[in-house]
Every structure is written in C-alpha cells, then in structure tokens.
C-alpha cells in the first residue's frame, strides 16, 4: 500500500502525480528569482571537509573525501538536491566504484522525484 500525499496543494490538484503544480510555480518571475538567489548563496560557498580527528588516518580520509567531492561536481549535485526543499522531498542515487583499498563515489545522480513513491512503512519505490 502506497502512502497518499498530505500536501494540501497536491491533494487539491490531483495528488502526488501532479508535481507539475510546483514546476509551474517556478515559472513565476519573483519565485524563480528568489529561489535562484537562495540556491546560489549556498552553492557559491566553499565546501570544507574537516577531519574527525588529529591522527594521520583522519587527515587522509578528509583529503580523500574532499578530492572525491571535486571529482563529482559537488556544487551541481548540491544545487539539484536543493530542489528537495522546494518540493518537500528528493531522491538521489550514489554510484560506487572500487578505488584501491577503498570504495569511492563514481557519481551521485539526482533523480526525478515524480518517478518515486513511498509505502506505509516509508520505503521508497520506483513508480515510473
């Protein structure tokens, strides 16, 4: 059994299948401008990865993570995931790759939330 949306706007406009209501809202000049300003204010900041400790292993892990984030265009992923705030939820898929004795990000793919639903236990399902 799938969960029904509690979003009153979507309920009034036909349920979760009608996320285009929010897409239409982004066509408004004022909404679009304010939304872009908020996203740019975050993505223009530097991402800082701080090690969890002072030991060499923590320093090495932080440096490796910082390099990985640069390799996967972290600002672009962040910008796309910020739409989760606008829509109320989002979906991203982490693709992994072996990297020596570690596992690293191959990519982070932000997916179209309209293709997914939740069941009553809040498990995510591909709906298409």
N, C-alpha and C. Protein backbone atom coordinates (compact mmCIF):
# COMPACT_ATOMS: atom_id res chain seq x y z
N UNK A 1 0.83 -1.17 0.00
CA UNK A 1 0.00 0.00 0.00
C UNK A 1 0.89 1.24 0.00
N UNK A 2 0.61 2.14 -0.92
CA UNK A 2 1.39 3.36 -1.03
C UNK A 2 0.80 4.47 -0.17
N UNK A 3 1.66 5.33 0.33
CA UNK A 3 1.21 6.49 1.09
C UNK A 3 0.57 7.51 0.16
N UNK A 4 -0.43 8.19 0.65
CA UNK A 4 -1.02 9.30 -0.09
C UNK A 4 -0.40 10.58 0.44
N UNK A 5 -0.28 11.56 -0.41
CA UNK A 5 0.34 12.82 -0.01
C UNK A 5 -0.50 13.55 1.03
N UNK A 6 0.18 14.21 1.95
CA UNK A 6 -0.51 15.07 2.92
C UNK A 6 -0.39 16.53 2.51
N UNK A 7 0.25 16.77 1.38
CA UNK A 7 0.41 18.13 0.85
C UNK A 7 -0.94 18.61 0.34
N UNK A 8 -1.50 19.63 0.98
CA UNK A 8 -2.84 20.09 0.62
C UNK A 8 -2.90 20.69 -0.79
N UNK A 9 -1.80 21.28 -1.24
CA UNK A 9 -1.77 21.82 -2.61
C UNK A 9 -1.88 20.68 -3.61
N UNK A 10 -1.09 19.63 -3.41
CA UNK A 10 -1.15 18.49 -4.33
C UNK A 10 -2.48 17.76 -4.21
N UNK A 11 -3.02 17.64 -3.01
CA UNK A 11 -4.32 16.99 -2.85
C UNK A 11 -5.38 17.73 -3.66
N UNK A 12 -5.37 19.05 -3.61
CA UNK A 12 -6.36 19.85 -4.33
C UNK A 12 -6.17 19.77 -5.84
N UNK A 13 -4.94 19.49 -6.27
CA UNK A 13 -4.64 19.49 -7.71
C UNK A 13 -4.50 18.09 -8.29
N UNK A 14 -4.90 17.05 -7.54
CA UNK A 14 -4.91 15.71 -8.13
C UNK A 14 -3.91 14.74 -7.56
N UNK A 15 -3.27 15.07 -6.46
CA UNK A 15 -2.37 14.11 -5.81
C UNK A 15 -0.93 14.24 -6.25
N UNK A 16 -0.13 13.31 -5.78
CA UNK A 16 1.31 13.37 -6.00
C UNK A 16 1.69 13.26 -7.47
N UNK A 17 0.80 12.71 -8.26
CA UNK A 17 1.08 12.60 -9.70
C UNK A 17 1.16 13.97 -10.36
N UNK A 18 0.75 15.01 -9.65
CA UNK A 18 0.66 16.33 -10.24
C UNK A 18 1.74 17.28 -9.70
N UNK A 19 2.99 16.83 -9.64
CA UNK A 19 4.08 17.69 -9.20
C UNK A 19 4.32 18.86 -10.14
N UNK A 20 3.70 18.83 -11.32
CA UNK A 20 3.87 19.95 -12.25
C UNK A 20 3.31 21.25 -11.68
N UNK A 21 2.47 21.16 -10.66
CA UNK A 21 1.97 22.36 -9.98
C UNK A 21 3.15 23.16 -9.45
N UNK A 22 4.12 22.47 -8.85
CA UNK A 22 5.29 23.16 -8.31
C UNK A 22 6.22 23.64 -9.43
N UNK A 23 6.32 22.86 -10.51
CA UNK A 23 7.13 23.30 -11.65
C UNK A 23 6.56 24.60 -12.22
N UNK A 24 5.25 24.68 -12.30
CA UNK A 24 4.60 25.89 -12.79
C UNK A 24 4.89 27.08 -11.88
N UNK A 25 4.94 26.85 -10.59
CA UNK A 25 5.23 27.92 -9.64
C UNK A 25 6.61 28.52 -9.90
N UNK A 26 7.56 27.69 -10.32
CA UNK A 26 8.90 28.18 -10.62
C UNK A 26 8.95 29.06 -11.87
N UNK A 27 7.88 29.06 -12.65
CA UNK A 27 7.83 29.93 -13.82
C UNK A 27 7.54 31.38 -13.45
N UNK A 28 7.04 31.61 -12.25
CA UNK A 28 6.77 32.96 -11.79
C UNK A 28 8.11 33.68 -11.60
N UNK A 29 8.23 34.90 -12.13
CA UNK A 29 9.49 35.63 -12.09
C UNK A 29 10.00 35.85 -10.67
N UNK A 30 9.14 36.25 -9.78
CA UNK A 30 9.56 36.55 -8.41
C UNK A 30 9.97 35.27 -7.68
N UNK A 31 9.19 34.22 -7.83
CA UNK A 31 9.53 32.94 -7.18
C UNK A 31 10.84 32.41 -7.74
N UNK A 32 10.98 32.44 -9.05
CA UNK A 32 12.19 31.93 -9.70
C UNK A 32 13.42 32.70 -9.26
N UNK A 33 13.30 34.01 -9.22
CA UNK A 33 14.43 34.85 -8.83
C UNK A 33 14.84 34.59 -7.38
N UNK A 34 13.87 34.55 -6.48
CA UNK A 34 14.18 34.30 -5.07
C UNK A 34 14.77 32.91 -4.88
N UNK A 35 14.22 31.92 -5.58
CA UNK A 35 14.71 30.54 -5.45
C UNK A 35 16.14 30.43 -5.98
N UNK A 36 16.42 31.06 -7.10
CA UNK A 36 17.77 31.02 -7.65
C UNK A 36 18.76 31.71 -6.70
N UNK A 37 18.37 32.83 -6.13
CA UNK A 37 19.23 33.54 -5.20
C UNK A 37 19.57 32.68 -3.99
N UNK A 38 18.60 31.97 -3.47
CA UNK A 38 18.84 31.10 -2.31
C UNK A 38 19.78 29.96 -2.67
N UNK A 39 19.57 29.35 -3.84
CA UNK A 39 20.45 28.24 -4.27
C UNK A 39 21.87 28.73 -4.50
N UNK A 40 22.02 29.87 -5.18
CA UNK A 40 23.35 30.39 -5.48
C UNK A 40 24.09 30.82 -4.21
N UNK A 41 23.33 31.31 -3.22
CA UNK A 41 24.00 31.71 -1.98
C UNK A 41 24.62 30.52 -1.27
N UNK A 42 24.05 29.35 -1.44
CA UNK A 42 24.64 28.16 -0.83
C UNK A 42 25.74 27.55 -1.69
N UNK A 43 25.47 27.39 -2.98
CA UNK A 43 26.46 26.72 -3.83
C UNK A 43 27.69 27.59 -4.10
N UNK A 44 27.60 28.89 -3.84
CA UNK A 44 28.79 29.74 -4.03
C UNK A 44 29.75 29.62 -2.85
N UNK A 45 29.30 29.03 -1.76
CA UNK A 45 30.18 28.84 -0.59
C UNK A 45 31.13 27.66 -0.84
N UNK A 46 32.29 27.73 -0.23
CA UNK A 46 33.24 26.62 -0.32
C UNK A 46 32.76 25.47 0.56
N UNK A 47 32.94 24.26 0.06
CA UNK A 47 32.68 23.07 0.85
C UNK A 47 33.95 22.73 1.60
N UNK A 48 33.84 22.66 2.89
CA UNK A 48 35.01 22.36 3.72
C UNK A 48 34.81 21.01 4.37
N UNK A 49 35.76 20.12 4.18
CA UNK A 49 35.73 18.81 4.82
C UNK A 49 36.74 18.84 5.96
N UNK A 50 36.26 18.67 7.16
CA UNK A 50 37.15 18.68 8.32
C UNK A 50 37.37 17.25 8.81
N UNK A 51 38.59 16.90 9.12
CA UNK A 51 38.86 15.55 9.63
C UNK A 51 38.20 15.35 11.00
N UNK A 52 37.83 14.12 11.27
CA UNK A 52 37.19 13.80 12.54
C UNK A 52 38.16 13.73 13.70
N UNK A 53 39.43 13.72 13.41
CA UNK A 53 40.44 13.65 14.47
C UNK A 53 41.75 14.25 13.99
N UNK A 54 42.73 14.25 14.87
CA UNK A 54 44.03 14.83 14.54
C UNK A 54 45.01 13.80 13.96
N UNK A 55 44.63 12.53 13.98
CA UNK A 55 45.55 11.48 13.52
C UNK A 55 45.68 11.50 12.00
N UNK A 56 46.71 10.85 11.52
CA UNK A 56 47.02 10.85 10.08
C UNK A 56 45.91 10.18 9.27
N UNK A 57 45.31 9.16 9.80
CA UNK A 57 44.24 8.45 9.08
C UNK A 57 43.03 9.37 8.86
N UNK A 58 42.67 10.13 9.88
CA UNK A 58 41.54 11.08 9.75
C UNK A 58 41.87 12.17 8.74
N UNK A 59 43.10 12.67 8.78
CA UNK A 59 43.53 13.70 7.83
C UNK A 59 43.48 13.17 6.40
N UNK A 60 43.95 11.94 6.22
CA UNK A 60 43.96 11.31 4.89
C UNK A 60 42.53 11.09 4.39
N UNK A 61 41.63 10.64 5.26
CA UNK A 61 40.24 10.40 4.86
C UNK A 61 39.56 11.71 4.46
N UNK A 62 39.81 12.77 5.20
CA UNK A 62 39.21 14.07 4.87
C UNK A 62 39.72 14.58 3.53
N UNK A 63 41.01 14.43 3.28
CA UNK A 63 41.58 14.87 2.00
C UNK A 63 41.01 14.04 0.84
N UNK A 64 40.85 12.74 1.07
CA UNK A 64 40.30 11.87 0.02
C UNK A 64 38.85 12.24 -0.29
N UNK A 65 38.05 12.51 0.76
CA UNK A 65 36.66 12.89 0.55
C UNK A 65 36.56 14.23 -0.18
N UNK A 66 37.40 15.17 0.20
CA UNK A 66 37.39 16.47 -0.47
C UNK A 66 37.71 16.33 -1.95
N UNK A 67 38.68 15.47 -2.28
CA UNK A 67 39.03 15.22 -3.69
C UNK A 67 37.87 14.56 -4.43
N UNK A 68 37.20 13.62 -3.78
CA UNK A 68 36.06 12.95 -4.41
C UNK A 68 34.93 13.92 -4.71
N UNK A 69 34.65 14.82 -3.78
CA UNK A 69 33.58 15.78 -3.99
C UNK A 69 33.88 16.70 -5.17
N UNK A 70 35.14 17.05 -5.34
CA UNK A 70 35.51 17.86 -6.50
C UNK A 70 35.34 17.07 -7.80
N UNK A 71 35.67 15.77 -7.76
CA UNK A 71 35.58 14.93 -8.96
C UNK A 71 34.14 14.72 -9.43
N UNK A 72 33.19 14.78 -8.52
CA UNK A 72 31.80 14.50 -8.92
C UNK A 72 30.96 15.77 -9.08
N UNK A 73 31.59 16.92 -9.16
CA UNK A 73 30.88 18.19 -9.33
C UNK A 73 29.87 18.39 -8.21
N UNK A 74 30.37 18.44 -6.98
CA UNK A 74 29.55 18.53 -5.78
C UNK A 74 28.59 19.72 -5.79
N UNK A 75 29.02 20.86 -6.32
CA UNK A 75 28.13 22.03 -6.36
C UNK A 75 26.91 21.77 -7.23
N UNK A 76 27.10 21.05 -8.33
CA UNK A 76 25.98 20.72 -9.20
C UNK A 76 25.02 19.76 -8.50
N UNK A 77 25.54 18.75 -7.82
CA UNK A 77 24.71 17.81 -7.07
C UNK A 77 23.94 18.57 -5.98
N UNK A 78 24.64 19.44 -5.26
CA UNK A 78 24.01 20.22 -4.20
C UNK A 78 22.89 21.09 -4.75
N UNK A 79 23.14 21.76 -5.87
CA UNK A 79 22.12 22.61 -6.48
C UNK A 79 20.87 21.81 -6.83
N UNK A 80 21.06 20.64 -7.42
CA UNK A 80 19.91 19.81 -7.79
C UNK A 80 19.17 19.29 -6.56
N UNK A 81 19.93 18.91 -5.53
CA UNK A 81 19.28 18.39 -4.32
C UNK A 81 18.56 19.49 -3.54
N UNK A 82 18.94 20.75 -3.74
CA UNK A 82 18.24 21.83 -3.06
C UNK A 82 16.77 21.92 -3.48
N UNK A 83 16.44 21.37 -4.63
CA UNK A 83 15.04 21.33 -5.06
C UNK A 83 14.21 20.46 -4.13
N UNK A 84 14.86 19.63 -3.34
CA UNK A 84 14.15 18.84 -2.32
C UNK A 84 13.46 19.76 -1.33
N UNK A 85 14.08 20.89 -1.03
CA UNK A 85 13.49 21.86 -0.13
C UNK A 85 12.23 22.45 -0.77
N UNK A 86 12.31 22.75 -2.05
CA UNK A 86 11.18 23.36 -2.76
C UNK A 86 10.00 22.39 -2.87
N UNK A 87 10.30 21.15 -3.26
CA UNK A 87 9.24 20.15 -3.47
C UNK A 87 8.86 19.41 -2.18
N UNK A 88 9.71 19.47 -1.18
CA UNK A 88 9.42 18.79 0.07
C UNK A 88 10.12 17.45 0.22
N UNK A 89 10.73 16.96 -0.84
CA UNK A 89 11.48 15.71 -0.78
C UNK A 89 12.25 15.51 -2.09
N UNK A 90 13.24 14.65 -2.04
CA UNK A 90 14.04 14.39 -3.23
C UNK A 90 14.65 13.01 -3.18
N UNK A 91 15.20 12.59 -4.30
CA UNK A 91 15.81 11.28 -4.41
C UNK A 91 17.15 11.42 -5.13
N UNK A 92 18.18 10.83 -4.55
CA UNK A 92 19.48 10.79 -5.20
C UNK A 92 20.03 9.37 -5.07
N UNK A 93 20.79 8.97 -6.05
CA UNK A 93 21.38 7.63 -6.07
C UNK A 93 22.90 7.78 -6.08
N UNK A 94 23.55 7.11 -5.16
CA UNK A 94 25.01 7.12 -5.10
C UNK A 94 25.52 5.91 -5.86
N UNK A 95 26.39 6.16 -6.83
CA UNK A 95 27.04 5.08 -7.58
C UNK A 95 28.46 4.95 -7.05
N UNK A 96 28.85 3.74 -6.73
CA UNK A 96 30.14 3.49 -6.10
C UNK A 96 31.12 2.85 -7.07
N UNK A 97 32.40 3.01 -6.76
CA UNK A 97 33.46 2.37 -7.57
C UNK A 97 34.60 1.96 -6.63
N UNK A 98 35.26 0.86 -6.97
CA UNK A 98 36.44 0.49 -6.17
C UNK A 98 37.57 1.48 -6.43
N UNK A 99 38.33 1.79 -5.41
CA UNK A 99 39.43 2.74 -5.53
C UNK A 99 40.56 2.26 -4.61
N UNK A 100 41.37 1.36 -5.13
CA UNK A 100 42.44 0.78 -4.31
C UNK A 100 41.85 -0.03 -3.18
N UNK A 101 42.19 0.32 -1.95
CA UNK A 101 41.66 -0.41 -0.80
C UNK A 101 40.41 0.26 -0.22
N UNK A 102 39.84 1.21 -0.95
CA UNK A 102 38.65 1.93 -0.51
C UNK A 102 37.54 1.83 -1.55
N UNK A 103 36.39 2.32 -1.19
CA UNK A 103 35.28 2.47 -2.13
C UNK A 103 35.01 3.97 -2.23
N UNK A 104 34.86 4.46 -3.46
CA UNK A 104 34.69 5.90 -3.68
C UNK A 104 33.42 6.16 -4.47
N UNK A 105 33.03 7.44 -4.50
CA UNK A 105 31.91 7.84 -5.33
C UNK A 105 32.30 7.73 -6.80
N UNK A 106 31.46 7.09 -7.59
CA UNK A 106 31.60 7.17 -9.04
C UNK A 106 30.78 8.37 -9.51
N UNK A 107 29.61 8.54 -8.89
CA UNK A 107 28.72 9.66 -9.21
C UNK A 107 27.59 9.71 -8.19
N UNK A 108 26.94 10.85 -8.14
CA UNK A 108 25.69 10.97 -7.39
C UNK A 108 24.67 11.51 -8.38
N UNK A 109 23.67 10.71 -8.65
CA UNK A 109 22.64 11.06 -9.63
C UNK A 109 21.38 11.51 -8.91
N UNK A 110 20.98 12.74 -9.14
CA UNK A 110 19.74 13.25 -8.57
C UNK A 110 18.63 12.84 -9.53
N UNK A 111 17.66 12.13 -8.99
CA UNK A 111 16.58 11.56 -9.81
C UNK A 111 15.31 12.40 -9.73
N UNK A 112 14.46 12.24 -10.73
CA UNK A 112 13.18 12.95 -10.77
C UNK A 112 12.26 12.37 -9.71
N UNK A 113 11.89 13.18 -8.74
CA UNK A 113 11.07 12.72 -7.61
C UNK A 113 9.71 12.22 -8.06
N UNK A 114 9.23 12.66 -9.20
CA UNK A 114 7.91 12.23 -9.69
C UNK A 114 7.89 10.75 -10.04
N UNK A 115 9.06 10.14 -10.19
CA UNK A 115 9.14 8.72 -10.54
C UNK A 115 9.10 7.79 -9.33
N UNK A 116 8.99 8.36 -8.12
CA UNK A 116 9.09 7.56 -6.91
C UNK A 116 7.89 7.77 -6.00
N UNK A 117 7.59 6.76 -5.21
CA UNK A 117 6.53 6.81 -4.20
C UNK A 117 7.04 6.13 -2.93
N UNK A 118 6.32 6.36 -1.82
CA UNK A 118 6.62 5.73 -0.55
C UNK A 118 5.47 4.83 -0.15
N UNK A 119 5.81 3.70 0.52
CA UNK A 119 4.76 2.85 1.06
C UNK A 119 4.46 3.27 2.50
N UNK A 120 3.55 2.56 3.16
CA UNK A 120 3.14 2.95 4.51
C UNK A 120 4.27 2.82 5.52
N UNK A 121 5.31 2.03 5.20
CA UNK A 121 6.48 1.92 6.06
C UNK A 121 7.58 2.90 5.67
N UNK A 122 7.23 3.80 4.74
CA UNK A 122 8.13 4.84 4.24
C UNK A 122 9.32 4.30 3.47
N UNK A 123 9.14 3.14 2.84
CA UNK A 123 10.15 2.62 1.92
C UNK A 123 9.94 3.28 0.56
N UNK A 124 11.02 3.56 -0.12
CA UNK A 124 10.97 4.23 -1.42
C UNK A 124 10.81 3.21 -2.53
N UNK A 125 9.92 3.50 -3.48
CA UNK A 125 9.68 2.62 -4.63
C UNK A 125 9.77 3.41 -5.92
N UNK A 126 10.38 2.78 -6.94
CA UNK A 126 10.38 3.36 -8.28
C UNK A 126 8.98 3.18 -8.86
N UNK A 127 8.38 4.25 -9.31
CA UNK A 127 6.99 4.21 -9.75
C UNK A 127 6.87 4.30 -11.26
N UNK A 128 7.65 5.12 -11.89
CA UNK A 128 7.58 5.47 -13.32
C UNK A 128 6.17 5.38 -13.83
